[in-house]
Amino acid sequence: MDAFYASVEQRDNPDLRGKPVAVGGSRERGVVAAASYEARKFGVRSAMPSITAKRQCPDLIFVKPRFEVYKAVSQQIREIFAEHTPIIEPLSLDEAYLDVTENLQGIPLARDVALAIRAKIKEVTGLNASAGISYNKFLAKLASDHRKPNGQYVITPEMGPAFVENLPVGKFHGIGPATSAKMNALGLHTGLDMRNQSLEFMQANFGKAGTYYYWISRGVDNREVRADLIRKSVGAENTFTRDLTELESMMSELLPLIDKVWRHCENKGMRGRTVTLKVKFADFELITRSRTLAGAVGSRSELEGVSAELLKALFPMKKAVRLLGVSISGFIGGNVLTPQMPLF
């Protein structure tokens, strides 16, 4: 979906159409959850501090997020997908992989399946979607960004290797800023640079991920579209209105997050073994601390106890804290997922 949260807000409020919109908190310590294309022209992007976004775009309009609305629209879109294929792998509320090799409508070309899905999404929701069509997940993801907004692009098997070789490594899905910088330092700037390296070189410098990078630089990705993913984690986090330095105040802020996580686990019948504490300091340094138990976390009080121990182990802290989060992972049993996302 194109600028999904922001597009929903512009759809529902005509006064926002054609204007730079950011979904998120406008307060000094807020963060942009999504930005309209009008805002992106000014460099506003998701995960950017709100104060920075406002500085770059003085006319930026902040809108509070309405996640229940976004989830409802996402479900409408999922139902449209299901009219064409049961093999749907959701990545988030606004993005998914579809395997349409044998689609339910009997449409011969994947290009035409994408056109039909995008037209139906526009008809039902009033929103624009973009699509990438290719013979594997990696290239389909690259293609989906190639004609945004409201477009689609096909990368055929004949096009794949050449398409990848000219691509800057920072544009590869799965390669973030830190890895991109490391690659550049090693003289790897494009897909072709990666392709010229041996598998041993890539593994030595990037570990297990090196194998993945080696193959995608050749346009090869054998991952299947998986319809029934197991949820990896359930988490909640909060950015504070002021930086915290005392253990007592941090623990007080952590309690409602623990409540959210445990309530979701109870409602879904999910039980996990690993508790992770997330801490972001005032200078934006981010750390995590985890503990894996012999068995599943059995109660809210146990979750609170482990979270408190992880937090106490960080004291004395040399820096103030601006954000805390807690999550459970390592689920036991087959808990099938809807979209993977935090609880907020």
C-alpha atoms as a PDB file:
ATOM      1  CA  MET A   1       0.000   0.000   0.000  1.00  0.00           C
ATOM      2  CA  ASP A   2       1.171   3.536  -0.780  1.00  0.00           C
ATOM      3  CA  ALA A   3       1.836   5.608   2.382  1.00  0.00           C
ATOM      4  CA  PHE A   4      -0.838   3.455   4.017  1.00  0.00           C
ATOM      5  CA  TYR A   5      -1.600   5.147   7.345  1.00  0.00           C
ATOM      6  CA  ALA A   6      -1.305   8.648   5.873  1.00  0.00           C
ATOM      7  CA  SER A   7      -3.408   7.697   2.837  1.00  0.00           C
ATOM      8  CA  VAL A   8      -6.186   6.366   5.084  1.00  0.00           C
ATOM      9  CA  GLU A   9      -6.191   9.666   6.972  1.00  0.00           C
ATOM     10  CA  GLN A  10      -6.325  11.674   3.729  1.00  0.00           C
ATOM     11  CA  ARG A  11      -9.140   9.454   2.439  1.00  0.00           C
ATOM     12  CA  ASP A  12     -11.216   9.989   5.580  1.00  0.00           C
ATOM     13  CA  ASN A  13     -10.508  13.715   5.914  1.00  0.00           C
ATOM     14  CA  PRO A  14     -10.755  15.654   2.623  1.00  0.00           C
ATOM     15  CA  ASP A  15      -9.056  18.661   4.249  1.00  0.00           C
ATOM     16  CA  LEU A  16      -5.812  16.661   4.402  1.00  0.00           C
ATOM     17  CA  ARG A  17      -5.715  15.737   0.720  1.00  0.00           C
ATOM     18  CA  GLY A  18      -2.811  17.176  -1.235  1.00  0.00           C
ATOM     19  CA  LYS A  19      -1.125  18.344   1.960  1.00  0.00           C
ATOM     20  CA  PRO A  20       1.961  17.076   3.805  1.00  0.00           C
ATOM     21  CA  VAL A  21       0.666  14.732   6.499  1.00  0.00           C
ATOM     22  CA  ALA A  22       2.473  12.729   9.165  1.00  0.00           C
ATOM     23  CA  VAL A  23       0.791  10.081  11.274  1.00  0.00           C
ATOM     24  CA  GLY A  24       2.303  10.116  14.747  1.00  0.00           C
ATOM     25  CA  GLY A  25       2.861  12.325  17.760  1.00  0.00           C
ATOM     26  CA  SER A  26       3.453  16.023  17.166  1.00  0.00           C
ATOM     27  CA  ARG A  27       4.933  16.581  20.610  1.00  0.00           C
ATOM     28  CA  GLU A  28       8.641  17.260  20.931  1.00  0.00           C
ATOM     29  CA  ARG A  29       9.459  13.603  21.623  1.00  0.00           C
ATOM     30  CA  GLY A  30       7.026  12.096  19.126  1.00  0.00           C
ATOM     31  CA  VAL A  31       7.974   9.913  16.177  1.00  0.00           C
ATOM     32  CA  VAL A  32       6.575   9.777  12.629  1.00  0.00           C
ATOM     33  CA  ALA A  33       4.777   6.468  12.007  1.00  0.00           C
ATOM     34  CA  ALA A  34       3.980   7.258   8.361  1.00  0.00           C
ATOM     35  CA  ALA A  35       4.296  10.193   5.975  1.00  0.00           C
ATOM     36  CA  SER A  36       2.225  11.171   2.962  1.00  0.00           C
ATOM     37  CA  TYR A  37       3.959  11.552  -0.383  1.00  0.00           C
ATOM     38  CA  GLU A  38       3.529  15.313  -0.098  1.00  0.00           C
ATOM     39  CA  ALA A  39       5.552  15.176   3.146  1.00  0.00           C
ATOM     40  CA  ARG A  40       8.163  12.811   1.697  1.00  0.00           C
ATOM     41  CA  LYS A  41       9.126  15.486  -0.832  1.00  0.00           C
ATOM     42  CA  PHE A  42      10.571  17.391   2.139  1.00  0.00           C
ATOM     43  CA  GLY A  43      12.503  14.361   3.382  1.00  0.00           C
ATOM     44  CA  VAL A  44       9.980  13.361   6.050  1.00  0.00           C
ATOM     45  CA  ARG A  45       9.974   9.607   6.593  1.00  0.00           C
ATOM     46  CA  SER A  46       8.770   6.999   9.065  1.00  0.00           C
ATOM     47  CA  ALA A  47      10.723   6.590  12.326  1.00  0.00           C
ATOM     48  CA  MET A  48      11.939  10.212  12.082  1.00  0.00           C
ATOM     49  CA  PRO A  49      11.641  12.273  15.284  1.00  0.00           C
ATOM     50  CA  SER A  50       8.646  14.589  14.954  1.00  0.00           C
ATOM     51  CA  ILE A  51      10.675  17.659  15.813  1.00  0.00           C
ATOM     52  CA  THR A  52      13.049  16.899  12.912  1.00  0.00           C
ATOM     53  CA  ALA A  53      10.132  16.291  10.550  1.00  0.00           C
ATOM     54  CA  LYS A  54       8.559  19.628  11.502  1.00  0.00           C
ATOM     55  CA  ARG A  55      11.860  21.392  10.962  1.00  0.00           C
ATOM     56  CA  GLN A  56      12.171  19.937   7.463  1.00  0.00           C
ATOM     57  CA  CYS A  57       8.538  20.637   6.613  1.00  0.00           C
ATOM     58  CA  PRO A  58       7.123  23.587   8.598  1.00  0.00           C
ATOM     59  CA  ASP A  59       3.638  23.059   7.124  1.00  0.00           C
ATOM     60  CA  LEU A  60       3.542  19.399   8.180  1.00  0.00           C
ATOM     61  CA  ILE A  61       0.166  18.328   9.622  1.00  0.00           C
ATOM     62  CA  PHE A  62       0.333  15.726  12.390  1.00  0.00           C
ATOM     63  CA  VAL A  63      -2.518  13.254  12.787  1.00  0.00           C
ATOM     64  CA  LYS A  64      -2.919  10.851  15.692  1.00  0.00           C
ATOM     65  CA  PRO A  65      -2.749   7.206  14.555  1.00  0.00           C
ATOM     66  CA  ARG A  66      -5.976   5.141  14.456  1.00  0.00           C
ATOM     67  CA  PHE A  67      -4.656   1.603  14.415  1.00  0.00           C
ATOM     68  CA  GLU A  68      -8.058  -0.034  14.688  1.00  0.00           C
ATOM     69  CA  VAL A  69      -9.063   1.684  11.434  1.00  0.00           C
ATOM     70  CA  TYR A  70      -5.828   0.631   9.722  1.00  0.00           C
ATOM     71  CA  LYS A  71      -6.360  -2.968  10.856  1.00  0.00           C
ATOM     72  CA  ALA A  72      -9.910  -2.967   9.508  1.00  0.00           C
ATOM     73  CA  VAL A  73      -8.776  -1.658   6.115  1.00  0.00           C
ATOM     74  CA  SER A  74      -5.942  -4.183   6.100  1.00  0.00           C
ATOM     75  CA  GLN A  75      -8.483  -6.954   6.594  1.00  0.00           C
ATOM     76  CA  GLN A  76     -10.464  -5.700   3.598  1.00  0.00           C
ATOM     77  CA  ILE A  77      -7.304  -5.856   1.511  1.00  0.00           C
ATOM     78  CA  ARG A  78      -6.475  -9.340   2.797  1.00  0.00           C
ATOM     79  CA  GLU A  79      -9.910 -10.536   1.693  1.00  0.00           C
ATOM     80  CA  ILE A  80      -9.220  -9.216  -1.809  1.00  0.00           C
ATOM     81  CA  PHE A  81      -5.920 -11.106  -1.856  1.00  0.00           C
ATOM     82  CA  ALA A  82      -7.759 -14.268  -0.804  1.00  0.00           C
ATOM     83  CA  GLU A  83     -10.037 -14.002  -3.855  1.00  0.00           C
ATOM     84  CA  HIS A  84      -6.952 -14.669  -5.970  1.00  0.00           C
ATOM     85  CA  THR A  85      -4.736 -16.986  -3.912  1.00  0.00           C
ATOM     86  CA  PRO A  86      -4.659 -18.699  -0.513  1.00  0.00           C
ATOM     87  CA  ILE A  87      -0.846 -18.378  -0.425  1.00  0.00           C
ATOM     88  CA  ILE A  88      -0.480 -15.020   1.319  1.00  0.00           C
ATOM     89  CA  GLU A  89       2.482 -14.101   3.527  1.00  0.00           C
ATOM     90  CA  PRO A  90       1.749 -10.873   5.417  1.00  0.00           C
ATOM     91  CA  LEU A  91       4.751  -8.705   6.300  1.00  0.00           C
ATOM     92  CA  SER A  92       2.774  -5.965   8.043  1.00  0.00           C
ATOM     93  CA  LEU A  93      -0.660  -4.342   7.860  1.00  0.00           C
ATOM     94  CA  ASP A  94       0.152  -2.797   4.488  1.00  0.00           C
ATOM     95  CA  GLU A  95       2.410  -5.282   2.730  1.00  0.00           C
ATOM     96  CA  ALA A  96       2.374  -8.960   1.769  1.00  0.00           C
ATOM     97  CA  TYR A  97       3.852 -11.519  -0.583  1.00  0.00           C
ATOM     98  CA  LEU A  98       1.414 -13.466  -2.772  1.00  0.00           C
ATOM     99  CA  ASP A  99       2.191 -16.624  -4.736  1.00  0.00           C
ATOM    100  CA  VAL A 100      -0.100 -16.445  -7.774  1.00  0.00           C
ATOM    101  CA  THR A 101       1.498 -19.257  -9.786  1.00  0.00           C
ATOM    102  CA  GLU A 102      -1.871 -21.009  -9.685  1.00  0.00           C
ATOM    103  CA  ASN A 103      -4.379 -18.268  -8.901  1.00  0.00           C
ATOM    104  CA  LEU A 104      -8.031 -18.842  -8.122  1.00  0.00           C
ATOM    105  CA  GLN A 105      -9.260 -16.633 -10.976  1.00  0.00           C
ATOM    106  CA  GLY A 106      -7.295 -18.572 -13.603  1.00  0.00           C
ATOM    107  CA  ILE A 107      -5.593 -15.412 -14.861  1.00  0.00           C
ATOM    108  CA  PRO A 108      -2.598 -16.464 -17.013  1.00  0.00           C
ATOM    109  CA  LEU A 109      -0.212 -13.593 -16.242  1.00  0.00           C
ATOM    110  CA  ALA A 110       0.898 -12.418 -12.802  1.00  0.00           C
ATOM    111  CA  ARG A 111       0.963  -8.882 -14.213  1.00  0.00           C
ATOM    112  CA  ASP A 112      -2.777  -9.079 -14.829  1.00  0.00           C
ATOM    113  CA  VAL A 113      -3.421 -10.579 -11.397  1.00  0.00           C
ATOM    114  CA  ALA A 114      -1.683  -7.557  -9.891  1.00  0.00           C
ATOM    115  CA  LEU A 115      -3.726  -5.170 -12.031  1.00  0.00           C
ATOM    116  CA  ALA A 116      -6.965  -6.873 -10.929  1.00  0.00           C
ATOM    117  CA  ILE A 117      -6.001  -6.785  -7.249  1.00  0.00           C
ATOM    118  CA  ARG A 118      -4.976  -3.140  -7.361  1.00  0.00           C
ATOM    119  CA  ALA A 119      -8.207  -2.167  -9.147  1.00  0.00           C
ATOM    120  CA  LYS A 120     -10.312  -4.031  -6.573  1.00  0.00           C
ATOM    121  CA  ILE A 121      -8.421  -2.431  -3.681  1.00  0.00           C
ATOM    122  CA  LYS A 122      -9.082   1.002  -5.187  1.00  0.00           C
ATOM    123  CA  GLU A 123     -12.773   0.163  -5.685  1.00  0.00           C
ATOM    124  CA  VAL A 124     -13.314  -1.212  -2.186  1.00  0.00           C
ATOM    125  CA  THR A 125     -11.075   1.030  -0.055  1.00  0.00           C
ATOM    126  CA  GLY A 126     -10.444   4.088  -2.218  1.00  0.00           C
ATOM    127  CA  LEU A 127      -6.700   3.618  -1.680  1.00  0.00           C
ATOM    128  CA  ASN A 128      -3.797   3.119  -4.065  1.00  0.00           C
ATOM    129  CA  ALA A 129      -1.581   0.050  -4.020  1.00  0.00           C
ATOM    130  CA  SER A 130       1.650  -0.690  -5.864  1.00  0.00           C
ATOM    131  CA  ALA A 131       2.855  -4.131  -6.933  1.00  0.00           C
ATOM    132  CA  GLY A 132       6.108  -5.800  -7.808  1.00  0.00           C
ATOM    133  CA  ILE A 133       5.978  -8.944  -9.943  1.00  0.00           C
ATOM    134  CA  SER A 134       8.874 -11.333 -10.311  1.00  0.00           C
ATOM    135  CA  TYR A 135      10.009 -14.932 -10.022  1.00  0.00           C
ATOM    136  CA  ASN A 136      11.201 -14.646  -6.412  1.00  0.00           C
ATOM    137  CA  LYS A 137      10.490 -12.682  -3.252  1.00  0.00           C
ATOM    138  CA  PHE A 138      13.642 -10.557  -3.280  1.00  0.00           C
ATOM    139  CA  LEU A 139      13.062  -9.234  -6.796  1.00  0.00           C
ATOM    140  CA  ALA A 140       9.320  -8.798  -6.267  1.00  0.00           C
ATOM    141  CA  LYS A 141      10.096  -6.584  -3.287  1.00  0.00           C
ATOM    142  CA  LEU A 142      12.547  -4.511  -5.338  1.00  0.00           C
ATOM    143  CA  ALA A 143      10.019  -4.242  -8.160  1.00  0.00           C
ATOM    144  CA  SER A 144       7.262  -3.059  -5.801  1.00  0.00           C
ATOM    145  CA  ASP A 145       9.286   0.068  -4.981  1.00  0.00           C
ATOM    146  CA  HIS A 146      10.205   0.759  -8.604  1.00  0.00           C
ATOM    147  CA  ARG A 147       6.945   2.403  -9.724  1.00  0.00           C
ATOM    148  CA  LYS A 148       5.557   3.816  -6.493  1.00  0.00           C
ATOM    149  CA  PRO A 149       3.123   5.377  -5.941  1.00  0.00           C
ATOM    150  CA  ASN A 150       0.193   3.651  -7.634  1.00  0.00           C
ATOM    151  CA  GLY A 151       2.182   1.598 -10.127  1.00  0.00           C
ATOM    152  CA  GLN A 152       3.610  -1.827 -10.786  1.00  0.00           C
ATOM    153  CA  TYR A 153       6.721  -3.276 -12.349  1.00  0.00           C
ATOM    154  CA  VAL A 154       7.733  -6.688 -13.682  1.00  0.00           C
ATOM    155  CA  ILE A 155      11.231  -8.166 -13.399  1.00  0.00           C
ATOM    156  CA  THR A 156      11.424 -11.206 -15.671  1.00  0.00           C
ATOM    157  CA  PRO A 157      13.991 -14.018 -15.286  1.00  0.00           C
ATOM    158  CA  GLU A 158      15.919 -12.528 -18.198  1.00  0.00           C
ATOM    159  CA  MET A 159      16.015  -9.110 -16.517  1.00  0.00           C
ATOM    160  CA  GLY A 160      16.841 -10.249 -12.978  1.00  0.00           C
ATOM    161  CA  PRO A 161      20.667 -10.449 -12.926  1.00  0.00           C
ATOM    162  CA  ALA A 162      21.126  -7.197 -14.857  1.00  0.00           C
ATOM    163  CA  PHE A 163      18.578  -5.376 -12.683  1.00  0.00           C
ATOM    164  CA  VAL A 164      20.461  -6.386  -9.550  1.00  0.00           C
ATOM    165  CA  GLU A 165      23.987  -5.663 -10.772  1.00  0.00           C
ATOM    166  CA  ASN A 166      23.406  -1.922 -11.200  1.00  0.00           C
ATOM    167  CA  LEU A 167      21.603  -1.508  -7.870  1.00  0.00           C
ATOM    168  CA  PRO A 168      23.416   0.280  -5.002  1.00  0.00           C
ATOM    169  CA  VAL A 169      23.802  -2.093  -2.057  1.00  0.00           C
ATOM    170  CA  GLY A 170      21.853   0.335   0.139  1.00  0.00           C
ATOM    171  CA  LYS A 171      18.785  -0.295  -2.039  1.00  0.00           C
ATOM    172  CA  PHE A 172      18.829  -4.048  -1.390  1.00  0.00           C
ATOM    173  CA  HIS A 173      15.932  -5.162   0.781  1.00  0.00           C
ATOM    174  CA  GLY A 174      17.452  -6.482   4.000  1.00  0.00           C
ATOM    175  CA  ILE A 175      20.625  -4.382   3.851  1.00  0.00           C
ATOM    176  CA  GLY A 176      20.427  -1.527   6.343  1.00  0.00           C
ATOM    177  CA  PRO A 177      22.643   1.560   6.761  1.00  0.00           C
ATOM    178  CA  ALA A 178      25.244  -0.172   8.964  1.00  0.00           C
ATOM    179  CA  THR A 179      25.678  -3.152   6.626  1.00  0.00           C
ATOM    180  CA  SER A 180      25.676  -0.855   3.610  1.00  0.00           C
ATOM    181  CA  ALA A 181      28.489   1.218   5.163  1.00  0.00           C
ATOM    182  CA  LYS A 182      30.483  -1.934   5.923  1.00  0.00           C
ATOM    183  CA  MET A 183      30.038  -3.118   2.334  1.00  0.00           C
ATOM    184  CA  ASN A 184      31.157   0.251   0.980  1.00  0.00           C
ATOM    185  CA  ALA A 185      34.259   0.082   3.181  1.00  0.00           C
ATOM    186  CA  LEU A 186      35.037  -3.290   1.602  1.00  0.00           C
ATOM    187  CA  GLY A 187      34.645  -1.834  -1.882  1.00  0.00           C
ATOM    188  CA  LEU A 188      31.161  -3.244  -2.420  1.00  0.00           C
ATOM    189  CA  HIS A 189      28.949  -0.494  -3.825  1.00  0.00           C
ATOM    190  CA  THR A 190      26.649  -2.305  -6.262  1.00  0.00           C
ATOM    191  CA  GLY A 191      25.115  -5.694  -6.857  1.00  0.00           C
ATOM    192  CA  LEU A 192      27.839  -6.364  -9.413  1.00  0.00           C
ATOM    193  CA  ASP A 193      30.513  -5.695  -6.787  1.00  0.00           C
ATOM    194  CA  MET A 194      28.881  -8.284  -4.551  1.00  0.00           C
ATOM    195  CA  ARG A 195      28.477 -10.753  -7.388  1.00  0.00           C
ATOM    196  CA  ASN A 196      32.213 -10.561  -8.084  1.00  0.00           C
ATOM    197  CA  GLN A 197      32.983 -11.863  -4.593  1.00  0.00           C
ATOM    198  CA  SER A 198      33.286 -15.512  -3.581  1.00  0.00           C
ATOM    199  CA  LEU A 199      30.847 -17.174  -1.221  1.00  0.00           C
ATOM    200  CA  GLU A 200      33.714 -17.612   1.262  1.00  0.00           C
ATOM    201  CA  PHE A 201      34.451 -13.867   1.201  1.00  0.00           C
ATOM    202  CA  MET A 202      30.806 -12.964   1.846  1.00  0.00           C
ATOM    203  CA  GLN A 203      30.463 -15.496   4.668  1.00  0.00           C
ATOM    204  CA  ALA A 204      33.726 -14.394   6.280  1.00  0.00           C
ATOM    205  CA  ASN A 205      32.623 -10.754   6.370  1.00  0.00           C
ATOM    206  CA  PHE A 206      28.854 -11.082   6.936  1.00  0.00           C
ATOM    207  CA  GLY A 207      28.349 -14.457   8.591  1.00  0.00           C
ATOM    208  CA  LYS A 208      25.154 -16.334   7.735  1.00  0.00           C
ATOM    209  CA  ALA A 209      23.746 -13.245   6.016  1.00  0.00           C
ATOM    210  CA  GLY A 210      26.697 -13.414   3.639  1.00  0.00           C
ATOM    211  CA  THR A 211      25.200 -16.491   1.981  1.00  0.00           C
ATOM    212  CA  TYR A 212      21.941 -14.620   1.395  1.00  0.00           C
ATOM    213  CA  TYR A 213      23.782 -11.590  -0.023  1.00  0.00           C
ATOM    214  CA  TYR A 214      25.858 -13.847  -2.301  1.00  0.00           C
ATOM    215  CA  TRP A 215      22.757 -15.364  -3.891  1.00  0.00           C
ATOM    216  CA  ILE A 216      20.558 -12.263  -4.162  1.00  0.00           C
ATOM    217  CA  SER A 217      23.382 -10.439  -5.924  1.00  0.00           C
ATOM    218  CA  ARG A 218      22.833 -13.102  -8.604  1.00  0.00           C
ATOM    219  CA  GLY A 219      19.070 -12.633  -8.604  1.00  0.00           C
ATOM    220  CA  VAL A 220      18.579 -15.955  -6.791  1.00  0.00           C
ATOM    221  CA  ASP A 221      16.157 -16.290  -3.855  1.00  0.00           C
ATOM    222  CA  ASN A 222      14.607 -19.694  -3.173  1.00  0.00           C
ATOM    223  CA  ARG A 223      12.463 -18.701  -0.180  1.00  0.00           C
ATOM    224  CA  GLU A 224       8.865 -19.829  -0.585  1.00  0.00           C
ATOM    225  CA  VAL A 225       5.859 -17.635   0.118  1.00  0.00           C
ATOM    226  CA  ARG A 226       4.685 -19.024   3.457  1.00  0.00           C
ATOM    227  CA  ALA A 227       1.003 -18.665   4.211  1.00  0.00           C
ATOM    228  CA  ASP A 228       1.065 -19.684   7.877  1.00  0.00           C
ATOM    229  CA  LEU A 229       3.813 -17.818   9.661  1.00  0.00           C
ATOM    230  CA  ILE A 230       4.355 -18.219  13.363  1.00  0.00           C
ATOM    231  CA  ARG A 231       4.460 -14.956  15.233  1.00  0.00           C
ATOM    232  CA  LYS A 232       8.018 -14.297  16.340  1.00  0.00           C
ATOM    233  CA  SER A 233       7.290 -11.865  19.163  1.00  0.00           C
ATOM    234  CA  VAL A 234       4.677  -9.786  20.962  1.00  0.00           C
ATOM    235  CA  GLY A 235       5.877  -6.440  22.246  1.00  0.00           C
ATOM    236  CA  ALA A 236       4.938  -2.987  23.464  1.00  0.00           C
ATOM    237  CA  GLU A 237       7.026   0.148  23.937  1.00  0.00           C
ATOM    238  CA  ASN A 238       6.670   3.788  24.925  1.00  0.00           C
ATOM    239  CA  THR A 239       8.647   6.991  24.372  1.00  0.00           C
ATOM    240  CA  PHE A 240       8.508   9.196  27.461  1.00  0.00           C
ATOM    241  CA  THR A 241       7.667  12.890  27.583  1.00  0.00           C
ATOM    242  CA  ARG A 242      10.879  13.421  29.584  1.00  0.00           C
ATOM    243  CA  ASP A 243      14.037  11.376  29.950  1.00  0.00           C
ATOM    244  CA  LEU A 244      14.140   9.044  32.944  1.00  0.00           C
ATOM    245  CA  THR A 245      17.088   8.333  35.241  1.00  0.00           C
ATOM    246  CA  GLU A 246      15.610   6.542  38.263  1.00  0.00           C
ATOM    247  CA  LEU A 247      14.846   2.827  38.459  1.00  0.00           C
ATOM    248  CA  GLU A 248      11.543   3.412  40.239  1.00  0.00           C
ATOM    249  CA  SER A 249      10.182   5.746  37.548  1.00  0.00           C
ATOM    250  CA  MET A 250      11.329   3.386  34.778  1.00  0.00           C
ATOM    251  CA  MET A 251       9.665   0.425  36.423  1.00  0.00           C
ATOM    252  CA  SER A 252       6.481   2.451  36.808  1.00  0.00           C
ATOM    253  CA  GLU A 253       6.491   3.170  33.046  1.00  0.00           C
ATOM    254  CA  LEU A 254       7.246  -0.479  32.258  1.00  0.00           C
ATOM    255  CA  LEU A 255       4.200  -1.861  34.116  1.00  0.00           C
ATOM    256  CA  PRO A 256       1.491  -0.790  31.602  1.00  0.00           C
ATOM    257  CA  LEU A 257       3.639  -2.224  28.782  1.00  0.00           C
ATOM    258  CA  ILE A 258       3.848  -5.526  30.634  1.00  0.00           C
ATOM    259  CA  ASP A 259       0.057  -5.410  31.048  1.00  0.00           C
ATOM    260  CA  LYS A 260      -0.436  -4.962  27.284  1.00  0.00           C
ATOM    261  CA  VAL A 261       1.900  -7.791  26.354  1.00  0.00           C
ATOM    262  CA  TRP A 262       0.464 -10.229  28.879  1.00  0.00           C
ATOM    263  CA  ARG A 263      -3.129  -9.343  27.987  1.00  0.00           C
ATOM    264  CA  HIS A 264      -2.420 -10.142  24.328  1.00  0.00           C
ATOM    265  CA  CYS A 265      -0.739 -13.428  25.229  1.00  0.00           C
ATOM    266  CA  GLU A 266      -3.716 -14.378  27.393  1.00  0.00           C
ATOM    267  CA  ASN A 267      -6.270 -13.459  24.748  1.00  0.00           C
ATOM    268  CA  LYS A 268      -4.441 -15.424  22.035  1.00  0.00           C
ATOM    269  CA  GLY A 269      -3.406 -18.342  24.230  1.00  0.00           C
ATOM    270  CA  MET A 270       0.258 -17.664  23.365  1.00  0.00           C
ATOM    271  CA  ARG A 271       3.124 -18.672  25.649  1.00  0.00           C
ATOM    272  CA  GLY A 272       6.775 -17.813  25.057  1.00  0.00           C
ATOM    273  CA  ARG A 273      10.077 -18.502  26.775  1.00  0.00           C
ATOM    274  CA  THR A 274      12.157 -15.410  25.997  1.00  0.00           C
ATOM    275  CA  VAL A 275      11.636 -11.992  27.581  1.00  0.00           C
ATOM    276  CA  THR A 276      13.408  -9.019  25.959  1.00  0.00           C
ATOM    277  CA  LEU A 277      13.846  -5.536  27.383  1.00  0.00           C
ATOM    278  CA  LYS A 278      14.421  -2.705  24.915  1.00  0.00           C
ATOM    279  CA  VAL A 279      16.077   0.527  26.059  1.00  0.00           C
ATOM    280  CA  LYS A 280      16.676   3.666  23.997  1.00  0.00           C
ATOM    281  CA  PHE A 281      18.828   6.316  25.648  1.00  0.00           C
ATOM    282  CA  ALA A 282      18.534  10.085  25.327  1.00  0.00           C
ATOM    283  CA  ASP A 283      21.270  10.074  22.659  1.00  0.00           C
ATOM    284  CA  PHE A 284      19.214   7.491  20.658  1.00  0.00           C
ATOM    285  CA  GLU A 285      21.587   4.598  21.393  1.00  0.00           C
ATOM    286  CA  LEU A 286      19.478   1.429  21.446  1.00  0.00           C
ATOM    287  CA  ILE A 287      20.223  -1.732  23.431  1.00  0.00           C
ATOM    288  CA  THR A 288      18.299  -4.916  24.232  1.00  0.00           C
ATOM    289  CA  ARG A 289      18.679  -7.447  27.015  1.00  0.00           C
ATOM    290  CA  SER A 290      17.005 -10.867  26.930  1.00  0.00           C
ATOM    291  CA  ARG A 291      16.496 -13.881  29.165  1.00  0.00           C
ATOM    292  CA  THR A 292      15.283 -17.275  27.989  1.00  0.00           C
ATOM    293  CA  LEU A 293      13.558 -19.408  30.611  1.00  0.00           C
ATOM    294  CA  ALA A 294      13.506 -23.202  30.856  1.00  0.00           C
ATOM    295  CA  GLY A 295       9.751 -23.127  30.236  1.00  0.00           C
ATOM    296  CA  ALA A 296       7.173 -20.616  29.051  1.00  0.00           C
ATOM    297  CA  VAL A 297       6.432 -17.454  31.028  1.00  0.00           C
ATOM    298  CA  GLY A 298       3.494 -18.656  33.084  1.00  0.00           C
ATOM    299  CA  SER A 299       1.982 -15.489  34.555  1.00  0.00           C
ATOM    300  CA  ARG A 300       1.940 -11.727  34.395  1.00  0.00           C
ATOM    301  CA  SER A 301       3.856 -11.536  37.667  1.00  0.00           C
ATOM    302  CA  GLU A 302       6.585 -13.766  36.225  1.00  0.00           C
ATOM    303  CA  LEU A 303       6.836 -11.492  33.179  1.00  0.00           C
ATOM    304  CA  GLU A 304       7.103  -8.482  35.480  1.00  0.00           C
ATOM    305  CA  GLY A 305       9.743 -10.194  37.590  1.00  0.00           C
ATOM    306  CA  VAL A 306      11.988 -11.093  34.648  1.00  0.00           C
ATOM    307  CA  SER A 307      11.537  -7.622  33.096  1.00  0.00           C
ATOM    308  CA  ALA A 308      12.462  -5.976  36.402  1.00  0.00           C
ATOM    309  CA  GLU A 309      15.588  -8.132  36.732  1.00  0.00           C
ATOM    310  CA  LEU A 310      16.703  -7.217  33.213  1.00  0.00           C
ATOM    311  CA  LEU A 311      16.186  -3.526  33.982  1.00  0.00           C
ATOM    312  CA  LYS A 312      17.956  -3.645  37.360  1.00  0.00           C
ATOM    313  CA  ALA A 313      20.970  -5.331  35.762  1.00  0.00           C
ATOM    314  CA  LEU A 314      21.550  -2.171  33.702  1.00  0.00           C
ATOM    315  CA  PHE A 315      22.020   0.015  36.781  1.00  0.00           C
ATOM    316  CA  PRO A 316      23.811   2.216  37.464  1.00  0.00           C
ATOM    317  CA  MET A 317      23.063   3.814  34.104  1.00  0.00           C
ATOM    318  CA  LYS A 318      25.382   6.451  32.707  1.00  0.00           C
ATOM    319  CA  LYS A 319      22.713   7.959  30.441  1.00  0.00           C
ATOM    320  CA  ALA A 320      19.072   8.963  30.742  1.00  0.00           C
ATOM    321  CA  VAL A 321      16.410   6.808  29.067  1.00  0.00           C
ATOM    322  CA  ARG A 322      13.853   8.072  26.526  1.00  0.00           C
ATOM    323  CA  LEU A 323      12.132   4.778  25.596  1.00  0.00           C
ATOM    324  CA  LEU A 324      11.428   1.389  27.166  1.00  0.00           C
ATOM    325  CA  GLY A 325       9.891  -1.689  25.603  1.00  0.00           C
ATOM    326  CA  VAL A 326       9.211  -5.273  26.598  1.00  0.00           C
ATOM    327  CA  SER A 327       8.456  -8.310  24.439  1.00  0.00           C
ATOM    328  CA  ILE A 328       7.970 -12.071  24.607  1.00  0.00           C
ATOM    329  CA  SER A 329       9.261 -14.459  21.945  1.00  0.00           C
ATOM    330  CA  GLY A 330      10.185 -18.110  21.573  1.00  0.00           C
ATOM    331  CA  PHE A 331       6.564 -19.218  21.468  1.00  0.00           C
ATOM    332  CA  ILE A 332       5.695 -22.781  22.322  1.00  0.00           C
ATOM    333  CA  GLY A 333       3.109 -24.500  20.137  1.00  0.00           C
ATOM    334  CA  GLY A 334       1.590 -23.506  16.789  1.00  0.00           C
ATOM    335  CA  ASN A 335       0.292 -19.977  17.172  1.00  0.00           C
ATOM    336  CA  VAL A 336      -0.594 -18.814  13.671  1.00  0.00           C
ATOM    337  CA  LEU A 337      -0.266 -15.145  12.960  1.00  0.00           C
ATOM    338  CA  THR A 338      -2.130 -12.314  11.403  1.00  0.00           C
ATOM    339  CA  PRO A 339       0.224  -9.425  10.481  1.00  0.00           C
ATOM    340  CA  GLN A 340       3.439  -9.273  12.539  1.00  0.00           C
ATOM    341  CA  MET A 341       3.500  -6.009  14.415  1.00  0.00           C
ATOM    342  CA  PRO A 342       3.976  -4.603  17.940  1.00  0.00           C
ATOM    343  CA  LEU A 343       0.994  -3.820  20.149  1.00  0.00           C
ATOM    344  CA  PHE A 344       1.918  -0.106  20.529  1.00  0.00           C
END
